[in-house]
Amino acid sequence: MSGHSKFSTIKHKKGAKDAKRAKIFTKLVREITISARGGQPDIDSNPRLRNAVITARKSGLPRERIETAIKKGSGELQGENYEEIHYEGYGQGGVALVVDALTDNRNRTASDVRSTFTKNAGNLGETGSVGFMFEKVGIIEYEAKVASNDEMFESAVEFGAGNVESDEEMHIITCGVEDLSSVRDALAAKYGDFESARIGWVPKINNEVTSLEQAENIMKLVEALEDLDDVQYVTGNFVIPDEIAEKLGA
């Protein structure tokens, strides 16, 4: 997750292809496994699984690991029993954070998330403490090079998306949860496979970070949470202004 972009709160961390490659693969395998749960291993009839498999392929996850994860999720092979857990909390300055996790040990994950908040100037809250500040949506990501900002906006809206935000790296398309499959497939038919497509959260209102110190502390917390094996996504309602982002990356 990069502090340079206003989309840092909904985009996955780019460029982590070496030291964190194994950790990224672990998260992808878990998503595939839980997506195939309930005996639905067909990507054509299981939209969530299709999203997970395409994202995994784009990230370089080997085919055999994808196939094994699907078999474990569908029950064909024995595997871990993952469950989805949602956490809510605060970072420095009162910024709100939501954390989505997949775990086979609820107590371990809760302890790790709570400890990470505490160690990084944050506080883990109760369920519902910040959730009302976010909206659950479909999120589709494309690299910026596939289309101009205007073209992507016009295409996505035509296909049923609610909004498109673009920067020099990515196009972030958001749509209703129920529209994710149709918007995703229409965009894929025109622009090819996406970087990722999933159900996630976007803030209703963003809070602007006011100092370099606050930005550093927030990003340390977000990155520490993302680094936990059980955590899949972290979303926050903050925006880091360009002048602070430049210092943050110096």
Protein backbone atom coordinates (compact mmCIF):
# COMPACT_ATOMS: atom_id res chain seq x y z
CA MET A 1 0.00 0.00 0.00
CA SER A 2 1.51 3.26 -1.07
CA GLY A 3 1.11 6.60 0.63
CA HIS A 4 1.69 8.43 -2.64
CA SER A 5 -1.74 7.85 -4.10
CA LYS A 6 -5.15 8.97 -2.97
CA PHE A 7 -6.28 5.45 -3.80
CA SER A 8 -3.90 3.94 -1.24
CA THR A 9 -6.82 2.98 0.95
CA ILE A 10 -8.34 0.58 -1.58
CA LYS A 11 -5.45 -0.69 -3.69
CA HIS A 12 -3.10 -3.54 -2.95
CA LYS A 13 0.59 -2.85 -2.47
CA LYS A 14 2.43 -2.76 -5.78
CA GLY A 15 5.94 -3.99 -6.44
CA ALA A 16 6.26 -6.37 -3.50
CA LYS A 17 7.53 -9.20 -5.68
CA ASP A 18 10.53 -10.43 -3.74
CA ALA A 19 10.58 -10.41 0.07
CA LYS A 20 6.79 -10.52 0.38
CA ARG A 21 6.03 -12.77 -2.59
CA ALA A 22 5.40 -15.85 -0.45
CA LYS A 23 3.13 -13.87 1.88
CA ILE A 24 1.13 -12.52 -1.06
CA PHE A 25 0.76 -16.04 -2.46
CA THR A 26 -0.50 -17.27 0.91
CA LYS A 27 -3.23 -14.62 0.92
CA LEU A 28 -4.22 -15.49 -2.65
CA VAL A 29 -4.43 -19.20 -1.84
CA ARG A 30 -6.70 -18.48 1.12
CA GLU A 31 -9.04 -16.38 -1.00
CA ILE A 32 -9.25 -19.11 -3.65
CA THR A 33 -9.87 -21.75 -1.01
CA ILE A 34 -12.74 -19.93 0.68
CA SER A 35 -14.17 -18.87 -2.69
CA ALA A 36 -14.43 -22.52 -3.74
CA ARG A 37 -16.00 -23.54 -0.43
CA GLY A 38 -19.35 -25.29 -0.58
CA GLY A 39 -18.50 -27.48 -3.55
CA GLN A 40 -18.52 -24.72 -6.18
CA PRO A 41 -15.15 -25.15 -7.94
CA ASP A 42 -16.33 -23.95 -11.38
CA ILE A 43 -15.02 -20.46 -12.11
CA ASP A 44 -17.72 -19.89 -14.75
CA SER A 45 -20.55 -20.33 -12.24
CA ASN A 46 -18.74 -18.95 -9.17
CA PRO A 47 -17.99 -15.22 -9.68
CA ARG A 48 -15.95 -14.82 -6.52
CA LEU A 49 -13.76 -17.78 -7.43
CA ARG A 50 -13.26 -16.41 -10.94
CA ASN A 51 -12.15 -13.08 -9.48
CA ALA A 52 -9.72 -14.84 -7.14
CA VAL A 53 -8.24 -17.09 -9.83
CA ILE A 54 -7.68 -14.27 -12.34
CA THR A 55 -6.06 -12.12 -9.65
CA ALA A 56 -3.84 -15.05 -8.64
CA ARG A 57 -2.78 -15.69 -12.23
CA LYS A 58 -1.92 -12.01 -12.72
CA SER A 59 0.20 -12.18 -9.56
CA GLY A 60 2.11 -15.21 -10.80
CA LEU A 61 0.69 -17.86 -8.47
CA PRO A 62 1.61 -21.25 -10.01
CA ARG A 63 -1.21 -23.19 -11.67
CA GLU A 64 -0.73 -26.22 -9.40
CA ARG A 65 -1.21 -24.10 -6.28
CA ILE A 66 -4.38 -22.61 -7.74
CA GLU A 67 -5.77 -26.05 -8.56
CA THR A 68 -4.87 -27.43 -5.13
CA ALA A 69 -6.52 -24.48 -3.39
CA ILE A 70 -9.71 -25.02 -5.40
CA LYS A 71 -9.76 -28.72 -4.51
CA LYS A 72 -9.25 -27.95 -0.82
CA GLY A 73 -11.99 -25.36 -0.85
CA SER A 74 -14.48 -27.63 -2.60
CA GLY A 75 -13.71 -30.52 -0.26
CA GLU A 76 -12.01 -32.72 -2.85
CA LEU A 77 -8.83 -32.49 -0.79
CA GLN A 78 -8.50 -32.04 2.96
CA GLY A 79 -7.51 -28.51 3.95
CA GLU A 80 -7.81 -25.74 6.51
CA ASN A 81 -11.24 -24.43 7.45
CA TYR A 82 -10.95 -20.68 6.94
CA GLU A 83 -13.55 -18.18 8.09
CA GLU A 84 -14.00 -14.52 7.20
CA ILE A 85 -13.64 -11.96 9.99
CA HIS A 86 -14.09 -8.18 9.87
CA TYR A 87 -12.37 -5.78 12.30
CA GLU A 88 -12.77 -2.04 12.81
CA GLY A 89 -10.50 0.44 14.49
CA TYR A 90 -8.75 3.81 14.52
CA GLY A 91 -5.35 5.13 13.55
CA GLN A 92 -3.66 8.33 14.67
CA GLY A 93 -5.81 11.41 14.37
CA GLY A 94 -9.00 9.40 14.51
CA VAL A 95 -8.81 8.01 10.97
CA ALA A 96 -11.04 4.96 10.59
CA LEU A 97 -9.78 1.57 9.39
CA VAL A 98 -11.57 -1.62 8.44
CA VAL A 99 -9.66 -4.90 8.27
CA ASP A 100 -10.82 -8.01 6.41
CA ALA A 101 -9.20 -11.29 7.37
CA LEU A 102 -9.35 -14.99 6.51
CA THR A 103 -8.28 -17.24 9.36
CA ASP A 104 -8.27 -20.78 10.66
CA ASN A 105 -7.79 -19.53 14.23
CA ARG A 106 -10.07 -16.70 15.31
CA ASN A 107 -8.33 -16.14 18.67
CA ARG A 108 -4.87 -15.87 17.11
CA THR A 109 -6.01 -13.40 14.49
CA ALA A 110 -7.90 -11.21 16.95
CA SER A 111 -4.84 -11.09 19.20
CA ASP A 112 -2.51 -10.23 16.31
CA VAL A 113 -4.77 -7.48 14.97
CA ARG A 114 -5.33 -5.94 18.40
CA SER A 115 -1.60 -6.01 19.18
CA THR A 116 -0.75 -4.42 15.83
CA PHE A 117 -3.18 -1.55 16.41
CA THR A 118 -1.79 -0.98 19.91
CA LYS A 119 1.87 -1.05 18.82
CA ASN A 120 1.27 1.48 16.05
CA ALA A 121 -0.60 4.32 17.79
CA GLY A 122 -4.03 2.88 16.96
CA ASN A 123 -6.99 1.33 18.72
CA LEU A 124 -9.06 -1.70 17.79
CA GLY A 125 -12.74 -0.84 18.15
CA GLU A 126 -15.96 -2.78 18.49
CA THR A 127 -17.85 -4.08 15.47
CA GLY A 128 -19.85 -1.19 14.06
CA SER A 129 -17.63 1.48 15.59
CA VAL A 130 -16.48 2.78 12.19
CA GLY A 131 -18.32 0.59 9.69
CA PHE A 132 -20.99 3.22 9.12
CA MET A 133 -18.31 5.45 7.58
CA PHE A 134 -17.79 2.98 4.72
CA GLU A 135 -19.84 1.53 1.89
CA LYS A 136 -19.60 -2.06 0.67
CA VAL A 137 -19.04 -2.09 -3.09
CA GLY A 138 -17.56 -4.00 -5.97
CA ILE A 139 -14.00 -2.90 -6.73
CA ILE A 140 -12.23 -3.56 -10.02
CA GLU A 141 -8.65 -2.46 -10.68
CA TYR A 142 -6.91 -1.93 -14.01
CA GLU A 143 -3.46 -0.61 -14.74
CA ALA A 144 -3.55 2.97 -16.01
CA LYS A 145 -1.90 2.01 -19.30
CA VAL A 146 -4.92 0.06 -20.60
CA ALA A 147 -6.95 3.21 -21.32
CA SER A 148 -6.99 6.96 -20.82
CA ASN A 149 -8.79 8.30 -17.77
CA ASP A 150 -11.68 9.63 -19.84
CA GLU A 151 -12.06 6.46 -21.87
CA MET A 152 -12.08 4.21 -18.80
CA PHE A 153 -14.61 6.43 -17.07
CA GLU A 154 -16.95 6.45 -20.06
CA SER A 155 -16.67 2.70 -20.58
CA ALA A 156 -17.12 1.76 -16.93
CA VAL A 157 -20.16 4.01 -16.46
CA GLU A 158 -21.67 2.67 -19.68
CA PHE A 159 -21.25 -0.86 -18.31
CA GLY A 160 -22.96 0.01 -15.01
CA ALA A 161 -20.19 1.22 -12.71
CA GLY A 162 -20.96 3.95 -10.21
CA ASN A 163 -17.60 5.71 -10.25
CA VAL A 164 -14.03 5.60 -11.58
CA GLU A 165 -10.97 7.14 -9.97
CA SER A 166 -7.69 7.21 -11.87
CA ASP A 167 -4.10 8.17 -11.17
CA GLU A 168 -0.78 7.56 -12.90
CA GLU A 169 -0.76 3.90 -11.86
CA MET A 170 -4.29 2.56 -11.64
CA HIS A 171 -7.92 2.88 -12.61
CA ILE A 172 -10.17 2.05 -9.65
CA ILE A 173 -13.71 1.22 -10.74
CA THR A 174 -16.45 0.90 -8.14
CA CYS A 175 -19.95 -0.47 -8.62
CA GLY A 176 -22.80 -1.99 -6.69
CA VAL A 177 -22.05 -5.38 -5.14
CA GLU A 178 -24.76 -6.97 -7.27
CA ASP A 179 -23.26 -5.43 -10.43
CA LEU A 180 -19.67 -6.61 -9.92
CA SER A 181 -19.88 -9.65 -12.21
CA SER A 182 -21.53 -7.85 -15.12
CA VAL A 183 -19.27 -4.78 -14.95
CA ARG A 184 -16.18 -6.95 -14.55
CA ASP A 185 -17.06 -9.14 -17.54
CA ALA A 186 -17.89 -6.18 -19.77
CA LEU A 187 -14.62 -4.44 -18.93
CA ALA A 188 -12.67 -7.68 -19.40
CA ALA A 189 -14.20 -8.15 -22.84
CA LYS A 190 -12.95 -4.68 -23.84
CA TYR A 191 -9.66 -4.33 -21.92
CA GLY A 192 -8.61 -7.87 -21.00
CA ASP A 193 -8.09 -9.31 -17.56
CA PHE A 194 -8.19 -6.93 -14.60
CA GLU A 195 -5.54 -6.60 -11.91
CA SER A 196 -8.10 -7.54 -9.26
CA ALA A 197 -11.86 -7.66 -8.74
CA ARG A 198 -13.51 -8.12 -5.36
CA ILE A 199 -16.11 -7.03 -2.87
CA GLY A 200 -14.62 -4.42 -0.57
CA TRP A 201 -15.10 -1.14 1.25
CA VAL A 202 -14.73 2.48 0.25
CA PRO A 203 -15.03 5.44 2.61
CA LYS A 204 -18.07 7.67 2.33
CA ILE A 205 -16.00 10.69 3.41
CA ASN A 206 -12.20 10.97 3.52
CA ASN A 207 -10.20 12.76 6.21
CA GLU A 208 -7.15 14.66 5.01
CA VAL A 209 -3.91 13.87 6.81
CA THR A 210 -2.45 17.12 8.16
CA SER A 211 1.17 16.30 9.02
CA LEU A 212 4.08 14.13 7.97
CA GLU A 213 4.19 12.54 11.43
CA GLN A 214 0.54 11.53 11.22
CA ALA A 215 1.04 10.14 7.71
CA GLU A 216 4.05 8.10 8.83
CA ASN A 217 2.19 6.63 11.79
CA ILE A 218 -0.90 5.79 9.78
CA MET A 219 1.09 4.10 7.02
CA LYS A 220 3.14 2.13 9.55
CA LEU A 221 -0.10 0.85 11.06
CA VAL A 222 -1.63 -0.01 7.69
CA GLU A 223 1.51 -1.78 6.49
CA ALA A 224 1.87 -3.69 9.75
CA LEU A 225 -1.74 -4.87 9.48
CA GLU A 226 -1.26 -5.85 5.82
CA ASP A 227 1.83 -7.81 6.81
CA LEU A 228 -0.17 -10.13 9.06
CA ASP A 229 -0.67 -13.51 7.40
CA ASP A 230 -4.40 -13.60 8.16
CA VAL A 231 -5.21 -10.10 6.90
CA GLN A 232 -6.42 -9.81 3.30
CA TYR A 233 -7.30 -6.11 2.96
CA VAL A 234 -7.06 -2.88 4.96
CA THR A 235 -9.17 0.13 4.02
CA GLY A 236 -9.01 3.58 5.61
CA ASN A 237 -10.92 6.84 5.28
CA PHE A 238 -7.84 9.04 4.87
CA VAL A 239 -6.17 10.95 2.05
CA ILE A 240 -2.52 11.98 2.14
CA PRO A 241 -1.95 15.31 0.29
CA ASP A 242 0.68 15.28 -2.45
CA GLU A 243 3.07 17.56 -0.58
CA ILE A 244 3.10 15.22 2.43
CA ALA A 245 3.19 12.10 0.26
CA GLU A 246 6.33 13.40 -1.47
CA LYS A 247 8.07 13.80 1.90
CA LEU A 248 6.80 10.42 3.00
CA GLY A 249 8.50 8.76 0.05
CA ALA A 250 11.72 10.74 0.31
